[in-house]
Amino acid sequence: MITLSNGTEIDFVASGGALGYDGNGLCWQKPFELIGLHDPGLFTIVLKTITLHPKCGNWEFGNPHHCIRLIKDGMVNAIGLTNPGIVFWKKYIVPRMNFSLKLIPSIYGEPHDIAEMCRKFNGLDFKAIEINASCPNVDKGIVGNNEKILESCRKAKNKSRHPIILKVSVLHDIYKVIKLTEDIVEAYSINSVPWSYVFPEHESPLRELGGGGVSGKAAQKINWDLAKKIISLTDRPVVVPIWNFDDVYKAEEFGAKAFSFCTRFLLQPWAPTAIVRKCYSKIEDDW
């Protein structure tokens, strides 16, 4: 378990906007919540990433197949951070959020954008802020720019009353990123993996959109190797992506402090709740 400076405890995470912009879940997830097979209260919920200004990305309403494809044990997407921007988000999406849940907004942008968004969050009861410095589906921007990552983390820390989590990926020189940011952020999370890293010998079905990022079990070995590197470099805790029940104990063995689901929520909305309930049940039995 991760305990942030404000006392928030994080063990299981719905990451990457798996439960939407507001944390209330996507349309096909709601029926499972109504019959008790999906319980959002079991998770710390990281909302879908937003930017200061609206961003079109690659998403086409009514045609998700354009930028999302299912693959064995996962998904590849090239959504490109499509979002309505923070003004629309605060006016129309924030009012329907359930702040009895543990909610964390995810943000992307230039350092001055990060600072402005963090300032706007100060009046809201979020548990932390995640800086997404690693989306594989956008132009470089902050991604791969260590100086911008450092500046973004510093500005976020200065402007925000919330703890800061940094989302990283295999796109980073992780040794340098950790050295620069570990005194500023309180935890690290891990993003999807570019298609070319996972399937170097196969062409992506989203090649026209840059290839996309792979998430789910298909990306797990690469992300676990990254998590192990981070854990070896810093005492800051890491949220590690998992797929099934046994992954919890395997990840604990190499030092994971919290565990995240993303694609599993999208493909099998009932599965993360079942896995977490099984974990808690086993803890009670052991006790």
C-alpha atoms as a PDB file:
ATOM      1  CA  MET A   1       0.000   0.000   0.000  1.00  0.00           C
ATOM      2  CA  ILE A   2       1.078   3.558  -0.743  1.00  0.00           C
ATOM      3  CA  THR A   3       0.338   6.276   1.810  1.00  0.00           C
ATOM      4  CA  LEU A   4       0.609   9.803   0.420  1.00  0.00           C
ATOM      5  CA  SER A   5       1.563  12.871   2.451  1.00  0.00           C
ATOM      6  CA  ASN A   6      -2.104  13.834   2.835  1.00  0.00           C
ATOM      7  CA  GLY A   7      -2.935  10.443   4.347  1.00  0.00           C
ATOM      8  CA  THR A   8      -4.532   8.955   1.228  1.00  0.00           C
ATOM      9  CA  GLU A   9      -3.981   5.207   1.006  1.00  0.00           C
ATOM     10  CA  ILE A  10      -3.619   3.631  -2.432  1.00  0.00           C
ATOM     11  CA  ASP A  11      -3.605  -0.101  -3.022  1.00  0.00           C
ATOM     12  CA  PHE A  12      -5.662  -0.908  -6.139  1.00  0.00           C
ATOM     13  CA  VAL A  13      -5.993   1.629  -8.944  1.00  0.00           C
ATOM     14  CA  ALA A  14      -8.307   2.092 -11.918  1.00  0.00           C
ATOM     15  CA  SER A  15      -5.797   3.781 -14.187  1.00  0.00           C
ATOM     16  CA  GLY A  16      -5.586   5.455 -17.564  1.00  0.00           C
ATOM     17  CA  GLY A  17      -9.148   6.765 -17.599  1.00  0.00           C
ATOM     18  CA  ALA A  18     -10.564   3.227 -17.466  1.00  0.00           C
ATOM     19  CA  LEU A  19     -13.593   4.675 -15.668  1.00  0.00           C
ATOM     20  CA  GLY A  20     -13.876   7.789 -17.839  1.00  0.00           C
ATOM     21  CA  TYR A  21     -13.441  11.509 -17.335  1.00  0.00           C
ATOM     22  CA  ASP A  22     -15.571  11.564 -14.168  1.00  0.00           C
ATOM     23  CA  GLY A  23     -14.771   8.204 -12.567  1.00  0.00           C
ATOM     24  CA  ASN A  24     -18.381   7.069 -12.793  1.00  0.00           C
ATOM     25  CA  GLY A  25     -17.625   4.405 -15.374  1.00  0.00           C
ATOM     26  CA  LEU A  26     -18.348   3.930 -19.055  1.00  0.00           C
ATOM     27  CA  CYS A  27     -21.749   2.960 -20.422  1.00  0.00           C
ATOM     28  CA  TRP A  28     -21.035  -0.774 -20.710  1.00  0.00           C
ATOM     29  CA  GLN A  29     -19.563  -0.855 -17.187  1.00  0.00           C
ATOM     30  CA  LYS A  30     -22.664   0.543 -15.467  1.00  0.00           C
ATOM     31  CA  PRO A  31     -24.787  -2.647 -15.638  1.00  0.00           C
ATOM     32  CA  PHE A  32     -22.063  -4.553 -13.794  1.00  0.00           C
ATOM     33  CA  GLU A  33     -22.063  -1.895 -11.066  1.00  0.00           C
ATOM     34  CA  LEU A  34     -25.856  -2.137 -10.741  1.00  0.00           C
ATOM     35  CA  ILE A  35     -25.698  -5.890 -10.125  1.00  0.00           C
ATOM     36  CA  GLY A  36     -22.721  -5.608  -7.766  1.00  0.00           C
ATOM     37  CA  LEU A  37     -20.011  -7.070  -9.984  1.00  0.00           C
ATOM     38  CA  HIS A  38     -18.159  -3.756 -10.347  1.00  0.00           C
ATOM     39  CA  ASP A  39     -17.453  -1.716  -7.211  1.00  0.00           C
ATOM     40  CA  PRO A  40     -15.636   1.593  -7.928  1.00  0.00           C
ATOM     41  CA  GLY A  41     -15.230   2.146  -4.184  1.00  0.00           C
ATOM     42  CA  LEU A  42     -12.547  -0.539  -4.105  1.00  0.00           C
ATOM     43  CA  PHE A  43     -10.216   1.531  -6.273  1.00  0.00           C
ATOM     44  CA  THR A  44      -8.316   4.777  -6.397  1.00  0.00           C
ATOM     45  CA  ILE A  45      -9.586   6.137  -9.711  1.00  0.00           C
ATOM     46  CA  VAL A  46      -7.258   7.979 -12.080  1.00  0.00           C
ATOM     47  CA  LEU A  47      -9.410   9.954 -14.504  1.00  0.00           C
ATOM     48  CA  LYS A  48      -8.882  10.175 -18.240  1.00  0.00           C
ATOM     49  CA  THR A  49      -6.067  12.598 -19.043  1.00  0.00           C
ATOM     50  CA  ILE A  50      -7.046  16.188 -19.790  1.00  0.00           C
ATOM     51  CA  THR A  51      -5.150  19.160 -21.179  1.00  0.00           C
ATOM     52  CA  LEU A  52      -5.467  22.893 -20.551  1.00  0.00           C
ATOM     53  CA  HIS A  53      -7.027  23.482 -23.971  1.00  0.00           C
ATOM     54  CA  PRO A  54      -9.271  21.118 -25.962  1.00  0.00           C
ATOM     55  CA  LYS A  55      -7.343  18.493 -27.916  1.00  0.00           C
ATOM     56  CA  CYS A  56      -8.814  16.653 -30.896  1.00  0.00           C
ATOM     57  CA  GLY A  57      -6.438  13.700 -30.915  1.00  0.00           C
ATOM     58  CA  ASN A  58      -7.490  10.752 -33.078  1.00  0.00           C
ATOM     59  CA  TRP A  59     -10.796   9.767 -31.481  1.00  0.00           C
ATOM     60  CA  GLU A  60     -13.799   9.756 -33.808  1.00  0.00           C
ATOM     61  CA  PHE A  61     -17.174   9.673 -32.050  1.00  0.00           C
ATOM     62  CA  GLY A  62     -19.073   6.592 -33.125  1.00  0.00           C
ATOM     63  CA  ASN A  63     -16.000   5.033 -34.722  1.00  0.00           C
ATOM     64  CA  PRO A  64     -13.642   3.859 -31.939  1.00  0.00           C
ATOM     65  CA  HIS A  65     -12.288   1.153 -34.230  1.00  0.00           C
ATOM     66  CA  HIS A  66     -10.421   3.949 -35.986  1.00  0.00           C
ATOM     67  CA  CYS A  67      -7.955   4.323 -33.108  1.00  0.00           C
ATOM     68  CA  ILE A  68      -8.562   1.312 -30.822  1.00  0.00           C
ATOM     69  CA  ARG A  69      -8.068  -2.376 -31.574  1.00  0.00           C
ATOM     70  CA  LEU A  70      -8.363  -5.422 -29.363  1.00  0.00           C
ATOM     71  CA  ILE A  71      -5.433  -7.832 -29.370  1.00  0.00           C
ATOM     72  CA  LYS A  72      -4.736 -11.038 -27.476  1.00  0.00           C
ATOM     73  CA  ASP A  73      -4.633 -10.254 -23.745  1.00  0.00           C
ATOM     74  CA  GLY A  74      -4.883  -6.516 -24.238  1.00  0.00           C
ATOM     75  CA  MET A  75      -5.509  -3.545 -26.437  1.00  0.00           C
ATOM     76  CA  VAL A  76      -3.670  -1.110 -28.669  1.00  0.00           C
ATOM     77  CA  ASN A  77      -4.867   2.472 -28.860  1.00  0.00           C
ATOM     78  CA  ALA A  78      -3.825   5.699 -30.549  1.00  0.00           C
ATOM     79  CA  ILE A  79      -6.494   7.962 -29.070  1.00  0.00           C
ATOM     80  CA  GLY A  80      -3.969  10.769 -28.743  1.00  0.00           C
ATOM     81  CA  LEU A  81      -5.354  12.362 -25.567  1.00  0.00           C
ATOM     82  CA  THR A  82      -8.616  13.512 -27.146  1.00  0.00           C
ATOM     83  CA  ASN A  83     -10.338  15.627 -24.485  1.00  0.00           C
ATOM     84  CA  PRO A  84     -12.518  18.741 -24.120  1.00  0.00           C
ATOM     85  CA  GLY A  85     -10.029  20.863 -22.162  1.00  0.00           C
ATOM     86  CA  ILE A  86     -10.155  21.954 -18.563  1.00  0.00           C
ATOM     87  CA  VAL A  87     -12.762  24.748 -18.875  1.00  0.00           C
ATOM     88  CA  PHE A  88     -15.420  22.404 -20.273  1.00  0.00           C
ATOM     89  CA  TRP A  89     -14.252  19.656 -17.905  1.00  0.00           C
ATOM     90  CA  LYS A  90     -14.663  21.811 -14.779  1.00  0.00           C
ATOM     91  CA  LYS A  91     -18.027  23.213 -15.867  1.00  0.00           C
ATOM     92  CA  TYR A  92     -19.752  20.076 -17.108  1.00  0.00           C
ATOM     93  CA  ILE A  93     -17.865  17.022 -15.822  1.00  0.00           C
ATOM     94  CA  VAL A  94     -16.664  17.934 -12.327  1.00  0.00           C
ATOM     95  CA  PRO A  95     -20.228  18.558 -11.020  1.00  0.00           C
ATOM     96  CA  ARG A  96     -21.167  14.929 -11.642  1.00  0.00           C
ATOM     97  CA  MET A  97     -18.117  13.481  -9.905  1.00  0.00           C
ATOM     98  CA  ASN A  98     -18.599  11.444  -6.755  1.00  0.00           C
ATOM     99  CA  PHE A  99     -15.988  12.833  -4.371  1.00  0.00           C
ATOM    100  CA  SER A 100     -16.703  10.126  -1.819  1.00  0.00           C
ATOM    101  CA  LEU A 101     -14.545   8.034  -4.151  1.00  0.00           C
ATOM    102  CA  LYS A 102     -10.772   8.463  -4.267  1.00  0.00           C
ATOM    103  CA  LEU A 103     -10.287  10.462  -7.471  1.00  0.00           C
ATOM    104  CA  ILE A 104      -7.055  11.584  -9.124  1.00  0.00           C
ATOM    105  CA  PRO A 105      -7.028  13.772 -12.255  1.00  0.00           C
ATOM    106  CA  SER A 106      -4.415  13.051 -14.906  1.00  0.00           C
ATOM    107  CA  ILE A 107      -2.951  15.992 -16.816  1.00  0.00           C
ATOM    108  CA  TYR A 108      -0.701  16.545 -19.813  1.00  0.00           C
ATOM    109  CA  GLY A 109       0.874  19.649 -21.299  1.00  0.00           C
ATOM    110  CA  GLU A 110       3.731  22.077 -21.289  1.00  0.00           C
ATOM    111  CA  PRO A 111       5.055  23.042 -17.837  1.00  0.00           C
ATOM    112  CA  HIS A 112       3.075  26.303 -17.718  1.00  0.00           C
ATOM    113  CA  ASP A 113      -0.093  24.359 -18.650  1.00  0.00           C
ATOM    114  CA  ILE A 114       0.599  21.884 -15.871  1.00  0.00           C
ATOM    115  CA  ALA A 115       0.981  24.731 -13.383  1.00  0.00           C
ATOM    116  CA  GLU A 116      -2.293  26.371 -14.429  1.00  0.00           C
ATOM    117  CA  MET A 117      -4.258  23.128 -14.224  1.00  0.00           C
ATOM    118  CA  CYS A 118      -2.825  22.323 -10.793  1.00  0.00           C
ATOM    119  CA  ARG A 119      -3.871  25.753  -9.552  1.00  0.00           C
ATOM    120  CA  LYS A 120      -7.418  25.142 -10.774  1.00  0.00           C
ATOM    121  CA  PHE A 121      -7.580  21.841  -8.883  1.00  0.00           C
ATOM    122  CA  ASN A 122      -6.836  23.359  -5.469  1.00  0.00           C
ATOM    123  CA  GLY A 123     -10.496  23.894  -4.637  1.00  0.00           C
ATOM    124  CA  LEU A 124     -11.425  20.307  -5.474  1.00  0.00           C
ATOM    125  CA  ASP A 125     -11.224  17.283  -3.204  1.00  0.00           C
ATOM    126  CA  PHE A 126      -8.852  15.190  -5.273  1.00  0.00           C
ATOM    127  CA  LYS A 127      -6.462  12.821  -3.521  1.00  0.00           C
ATOM    128  CA  ALA A 128      -3.460  13.553  -5.765  1.00  0.00           C
ATOM    129  CA  ILE A 129      -2.586  14.731  -9.269  1.00  0.00           C
ATOM    130  CA  GLU A 130      -0.988  12.531 -11.899  1.00  0.00           C
ATOM    131  CA  ILE A 131       1.284  14.160 -14.471  1.00  0.00           C
ATOM    132  CA  ASN A 132       1.120  12.094 -17.647  1.00  0.00           C
ATOM    133  CA  ALA A 133       4.608  12.565 -19.045  1.00  0.00           C
ATOM    134  CA  SER A 134       4.580   9.463 -21.190  1.00  0.00           C
ATOM    135  CA  CYS A 135       1.664   9.179 -23.613  1.00  0.00           C
ATOM    136  CA  PRO A 136       2.968   7.289 -26.694  1.00  0.00           C
ATOM    137  CA  ASN A 137       0.238   8.702 -28.942  1.00  0.00           C
ATOM    138  CA  VAL A 138       1.102  12.412 -29.049  1.00  0.00           C
ATOM    139  CA  ASP A 139       3.842  14.587 -30.470  1.00  0.00           C
ATOM    140  CA  LYS A 140       6.886  14.672 -28.247  1.00  0.00           C
ATOM    141  CA  GLY A 141       6.122  17.708 -26.068  1.00  0.00           C
ATOM    142  CA  ILE A 142       7.031  16.786 -22.503  1.00  0.00           C
ATOM    143  CA  VAL A 143       7.588  13.134 -23.455  1.00  0.00           C
ATOM    144  CA  GLY A 144      11.305  12.375 -23.565  1.00  0.00           C
ATOM    145  CA  ASN A 145      12.277  15.899 -22.506  1.00  0.00           C
ATOM    146  CA  ASN A 146      13.844  15.545 -19.075  1.00  0.00           C
ATOM    147  CA  GLU A 147      14.085  19.285 -18.495  1.00  0.00           C
ATOM    148  CA  LYS A 148      10.376  19.759 -19.204  1.00  0.00           C
ATOM    149  CA  ILE A 149       9.472  16.825 -16.966  1.00  0.00           C
ATOM    150  CA  LEU A 150      11.476  18.328 -14.124  1.00  0.00           C
ATOM    151  CA  GLU A 151      10.005  21.793 -14.676  1.00  0.00           C
ATOM    152  CA  SER A 152       6.472  20.359 -14.832  1.00  0.00           C
ATOM    153  CA  CYS A 153       6.940  18.487 -11.563  1.00  0.00           C
ATOM    154  CA  ARG A 154       8.411  21.574  -9.860  1.00  0.00           C
ATOM    155  CA  LYS A 155       5.611  23.828 -11.049  1.00  0.00           C
ATOM    156  CA  ALA A 156       2.988  21.295 -10.044  1.00  0.00           C
ATOM    157  CA  LYS A 157       4.521  21.002  -6.589  1.00  0.00           C
ATOM    158  CA  ASN A 158       4.639  24.777  -6.185  1.00  0.00           C
ATOM    159  CA  LYS A 159       1.081  25.422  -7.394  1.00  0.00           C
ATOM    160  CA  SER A 160      -0.760  22.433  -5.976  1.00  0.00           C
ATOM    161  CA  ARG A 161      -1.955  21.472  -2.522  1.00  0.00           C
ATOM    162  CA  HIS A 162      -2.214  17.868  -3.751  1.00  0.00           C
ATOM    163  CA  PRO A 163       0.514  15.199  -3.809  1.00  0.00           C
ATOM    164  CA  ILE A 164       2.072  14.621  -7.242  1.00  0.00           C
ATOM    165  CA  ILE A 165       2.347  11.281  -9.041  1.00  0.00           C
ATOM    166  CA  LEU A 166       4.445  11.011 -12.201  1.00  0.00           C
ATOM    167  CA  LYS A 167       3.390   8.628 -14.988  1.00  0.00           C
ATOM    168  CA  VAL A 168       6.403   7.282 -16.844  1.00  0.00           C
ATOM    169  CA  SER A 169       7.079   4.702 -19.555  1.00  0.00           C
ATOM    170  CA  VAL A 170       9.774   2.887 -21.486  1.00  0.00           C
ATOM    171  CA  LEU A 171      10.051   6.016 -23.643  1.00  0.00           C
ATOM    172  CA  HIS A 172      12.016   7.704 -20.855  1.00  0.00           C
ATOM    173  CA  ASP A 173      15.635   7.572 -19.829  1.00  0.00           C
ATOM    174  CA  ILE A 174      14.304   6.308 -16.524  1.00  0.00           C
ATOM    175  CA  TYR A 175      17.574   6.695 -14.637  1.00  0.00           C
ATOM    176  CA  LYS A 176      17.677  10.419 -15.359  1.00  0.00           C
ATOM    177  CA  VAL A 177      13.943  10.955 -14.802  1.00  0.00           C
ATOM    178  CA  ILE A 178      14.018   9.315 -11.380  1.00  0.00           C
ATOM    179  CA  LYS A 179      17.134  11.228 -10.323  1.00  0.00           C
ATOM    180  CA  LEU A 180      15.529  14.528 -11.326  1.00  0.00           C
ATOM    181  CA  THR A 181      12.070  13.978  -9.847  1.00  0.00           C
ATOM    182  CA  GLU A 182      12.225  11.642  -6.848  1.00  0.00           C
ATOM    183  CA  ASP A 183      12.514  14.523  -4.372  1.00  0.00           C
ATOM    184  CA  ILE A 184       9.389  16.157  -5.829  1.00  0.00           C
ATOM    185  CA  VAL A 185       6.881  13.435  -6.622  1.00  0.00           C
ATOM    186  CA  GLU A 186       5.405  10.973  -4.126  1.00  0.00           C
ATOM    187  CA  ALA A 187       4.918   7.973  -6.422  1.00  0.00           C
ATOM    188  CA  TYR A 188       5.353   6.717  -9.966  1.00  0.00           C
ATOM    189  CA  SER A 189       2.824   5.048 -12.242  1.00  0.00           C
ATOM    190  CA  ILE A 190       3.424   3.307 -15.570  1.00  0.00           C
ATOM    191  CA  ASN A 191       1.916   3.984 -18.987  1.00  0.00           C
ATOM    192  CA  SER A 192       1.205   1.834 -22.046  1.00  0.00           C
ATOM    193  CA  VAL A 193       4.040   0.595 -24.266  1.00  0.00           C
ATOM    194  CA  PRO A 194       4.579   1.642 -27.901  1.00  0.00           C
ATOM    195  CA  TRP A 195       3.584  -1.105 -30.329  1.00  0.00           C
ATOM    196  CA  SER A 196       7.106  -1.355 -31.764  1.00  0.00           C
ATOM    197  CA  TYR A 197       8.506  -2.270 -28.342  1.00  0.00           C
ATOM    198  CA  VAL A 198       6.026  -5.120 -27.838  1.00  0.00           C
ATOM    199  CA  PHE A 199       5.744  -6.454 -31.391  1.00  0.00           C
ATOM    200  CA  PRO A 200       8.901  -5.323 -33.227  1.00  0.00           C
ATOM    201  CA  GLU A 201       8.425  -7.850 -36.019  1.00  0.00           C
ATOM    202  CA  HIS A 202       4.763  -7.110 -36.699  1.00  0.00           C
ATOM    203  CA  GLU A 203       3.089  -4.081 -38.221  1.00  0.00           C
ATOM    204  CA  SER A 204       0.551  -2.310 -36.008  1.00  0.00           C
ATOM    205  CA  PRO A 205      -3.090  -2.252 -37.107  1.00  0.00           C
ATOM    206  CA  LEU A 206      -2.887   1.448 -36.201  1.00  0.00           C
ATOM    207  CA  ARG A 207       0.264   2.114 -38.210  1.00  0.00           C
ATOM    208  CA  GLU A 208      -1.346   5.119 -39.929  1.00  0.00           C
ATOM    209  CA  LEU A 209      -1.715   6.730 -36.494  1.00  0.00           C
ATOM    210  CA  GLY A 210       1.839   6.031 -35.428  1.00  0.00           C
ATOM    211  CA  GLY A 211       1.374   2.497 -34.143  1.00  0.00           C
ATOM    212  CA  GLY A 212      -0.334   3.213 -30.830  1.00  0.00           C
ATOM    213  CA  GLY A 213       0.337   2.071 -27.288  1.00  0.00           C
ATOM    214  CA  VAL A 214      -0.186  -1.490 -26.047  1.00  0.00           C
ATOM    215  CA  SER A 215      -1.742  -2.112 -22.652  1.00  0.00           C
ATOM    216  CA  GLY A 216      -2.825  -5.196 -20.727  1.00  0.00           C
ATOM    217  CA  LYS A 217      -1.045  -8.491 -20.241  1.00  0.00           C
ATOM    218  CA  ALA A 218       0.533  -8.133 -23.692  1.00  0.00           C
ATOM    219  CA  ALA A 219       2.649  -5.244 -22.352  1.00  0.00           C
ATOM    220  CA  GLN A 220       3.235  -6.682 -18.899  1.00  0.00           C
ATOM    221  CA  LYS A 221       6.754  -8.057 -19.233  1.00  0.00           C
ATOM    222  CA  ILE A 222       8.094  -4.749 -20.540  1.00  0.00           C
ATOM    223  CA  ASN A 223       6.257  -2.741 -17.894  1.00  0.00           C
ATOM    224  CA  TRP A 224       7.336  -5.047 -15.096  1.00  0.00           C
ATOM    225  CA  ASP A 225      10.963  -4.761 -16.192  1.00  0.00           C
ATOM    226  CA  LEU A 226      10.529  -0.976 -16.076  1.00  0.00           C
ATOM    227  CA  ALA A 227       8.908  -1.169 -12.627  1.00  0.00           C
ATOM    228  CA  LYS A 228      11.816  -3.250 -11.317  1.00  0.00           C
ATOM    229  CA  LYS A 229      14.291  -0.644 -12.602  1.00  0.00           C
ATOM    230  CA  ILE A 230      12.393   2.170 -10.895  1.00  0.00           C
ATOM    231  CA  ILE A 231      12.175   0.234  -7.640  1.00  0.00           C
ATOM    232  CA  SER A 232      15.933  -0.361  -7.752  1.00  0.00           C
ATOM    233  CA  LEU A 233      16.585   3.353  -8.221  1.00  0.00           C
ATOM    234  CA  THR A 234      14.357   4.997  -5.615  1.00  0.00           C
ATOM    235  CA  ASP A 235      12.438   4.563  -2.386  1.00  0.00           C
ATOM    236  CA  ARG A 236       9.426   6.249  -3.970  1.00  0.00           C
ATOM    237  CA  PRO A 237       6.622   3.706  -4.400  1.00  0.00           C
ATOM    238  CA  VAL A 238       5.507   2.412  -7.789  1.00  0.00           C
ATOM    239  CA  VAL A 239       1.992   1.570  -8.997  1.00  0.00           C
ATOM    240  CA  VAL A 240       2.479  -1.569 -11.113  1.00  0.00           C
ATOM    241  CA  PRO A 241       0.037  -2.716 -13.837  1.00  0.00           C
ATOM    242  CA  ILE A 242      -1.403  -6.197 -13.257  1.00  0.00           C
ATOM    243  CA  TRP A 243      -3.770  -8.519 -15.108  1.00  0.00           C
ATOM    244  CA  ASN A 244      -4.864 -11.296 -12.749  1.00  0.00           C
ATOM    245  CA  PHE A 245      -4.948 -12.393  -9.118  1.00  0.00           C
ATOM    246  CA  ASP A 246      -1.554 -14.105  -9.080  1.00  0.00           C
ATOM    247  CA  ASP A 247       0.069 -10.937 -10.435  1.00  0.00           C
ATOM    248  CA  VAL A 248      -0.564  -9.194  -7.114  1.00  0.00           C
ATOM    249  CA  TYR A 249       1.766 -11.532  -5.261  1.00  0.00           C
ATOM    250  CA  LYS A 250       4.321 -11.730  -8.056  1.00  0.00           C
ATOM    251  CA  ALA A 251       4.512  -7.922  -8.198  1.00  0.00           C
ATOM    252  CA  GLU A 252       4.713  -7.662  -4.411  1.00  0.00           C
ATOM    253  CA  GLU A 253       7.750  -9.928  -4.493  1.00  0.00           C
ATOM    254  CA  PHE A 254       9.731  -7.464  -6.600  1.00  0.00           C
ATOM    255  CA  GLY A 255       8.610  -4.447  -4.574  1.00  0.00           C
ATOM    256  CA  ALA A 256       5.308  -3.147  -5.965  1.00  0.00           C
ATOM    257  CA  LYS A 257       3.378  -1.101  -3.415  1.00  0.00           C
ATOM    258  CA  ALA A 258       0.117  -0.690  -5.354  1.00  0.00           C
ATOM    259  CA  PHE A 259      -1.484  -2.304  -8.377  1.00  0.00           C
ATOM    260  CA  SER A 260      -3.352  -0.908 -11.358  1.00  0.00           C
ATOM    261  CA  PHE A 261      -5.916  -2.163 -13.855  1.00  0.00           C
ATOM    262  CA  CYS A 262      -6.802  -0.389 -17.088  1.00  0.00           C
ATOM    263  CA  THR A 263      -7.528  -2.571 -20.112  1.00  0.00           C
ATOM    264  CA  ARG A 264      -9.038  -5.282 -17.901  1.00  0.00           C
ATOM    265  CA  PHE A 265     -11.753  -2.779 -16.880  1.00  0.00           C
ATOM    266  CA  LEU A 266     -12.487  -2.083 -20.526  1.00  0.00           C
ATOM    267  CA  LEU A 267     -12.561  -5.699 -21.697  1.00  0.00           C
ATOM    268  CA  GLN A 268     -14.027  -7.405 -18.624  1.00  0.00           C
ATOM    269  CA  PRO A 269     -15.551  -4.777 -16.314  1.00  0.00           C
ATOM    270  CA  TRP A 270     -16.278  -7.318 -13.579  1.00  0.00           C
ATOM    271  CA  ALA A 271     -12.760  -8.793 -13.398  1.00  0.00           C
ATOM    272  CA  PRO A 272     -10.845  -6.133 -11.374  1.00  0.00           C
ATOM    273  CA  THR A 273     -13.513  -6.105  -8.648  1.00  0.00           C
ATOM    274  CA  ALA A 274     -13.457  -9.906  -8.457  1.00  0.00           C
ATOM    275  CA  ILE A 275      -9.661  -9.909  -8.174  1.00  0.00           C
ATOM    276  CA  VAL A 276      -9.594  -7.262  -5.439  1.00  0.00           C
ATOM    277  CA  ARG A 277     -12.345  -8.987  -3.459  1.00  0.00           C
ATOM    278  CA  LYS A 278     -10.397 -12.244  -3.682  1.00  0.00           C
ATOM    279  CA  CYS A 279      -7.281 -10.467  -2.396  1.00  0.00           C
ATOM    280  CA  TYR A 280      -9.126  -8.990   0.573  1.00  0.00           C
ATOM    281  CA  SER A 281     -10.803 -12.320   1.282  1.00  0.00           C
ATOM    282  CA  LYS A 282      -7.435 -14.077   1.331  1.00  0.00           C
ATOM    283  CA  ILE A 283      -6.011 -11.447   3.687  1.00  0.00           C
ATOM    284  CA  GLU A 284      -8.924 -12.021   6.068  1.00  0.00           C
ATOM    285  CA  ASP A 285      -8.462 -15.800   5.878  1.00  0.00           C
ATOM    286  CA  ASP A 286      -4.739 -15.476   6.577  1.00  0.00           C
ATOM    287  CA  TRP A 287      -5.466 -13.176   9.508  1.00  0.00           C
END
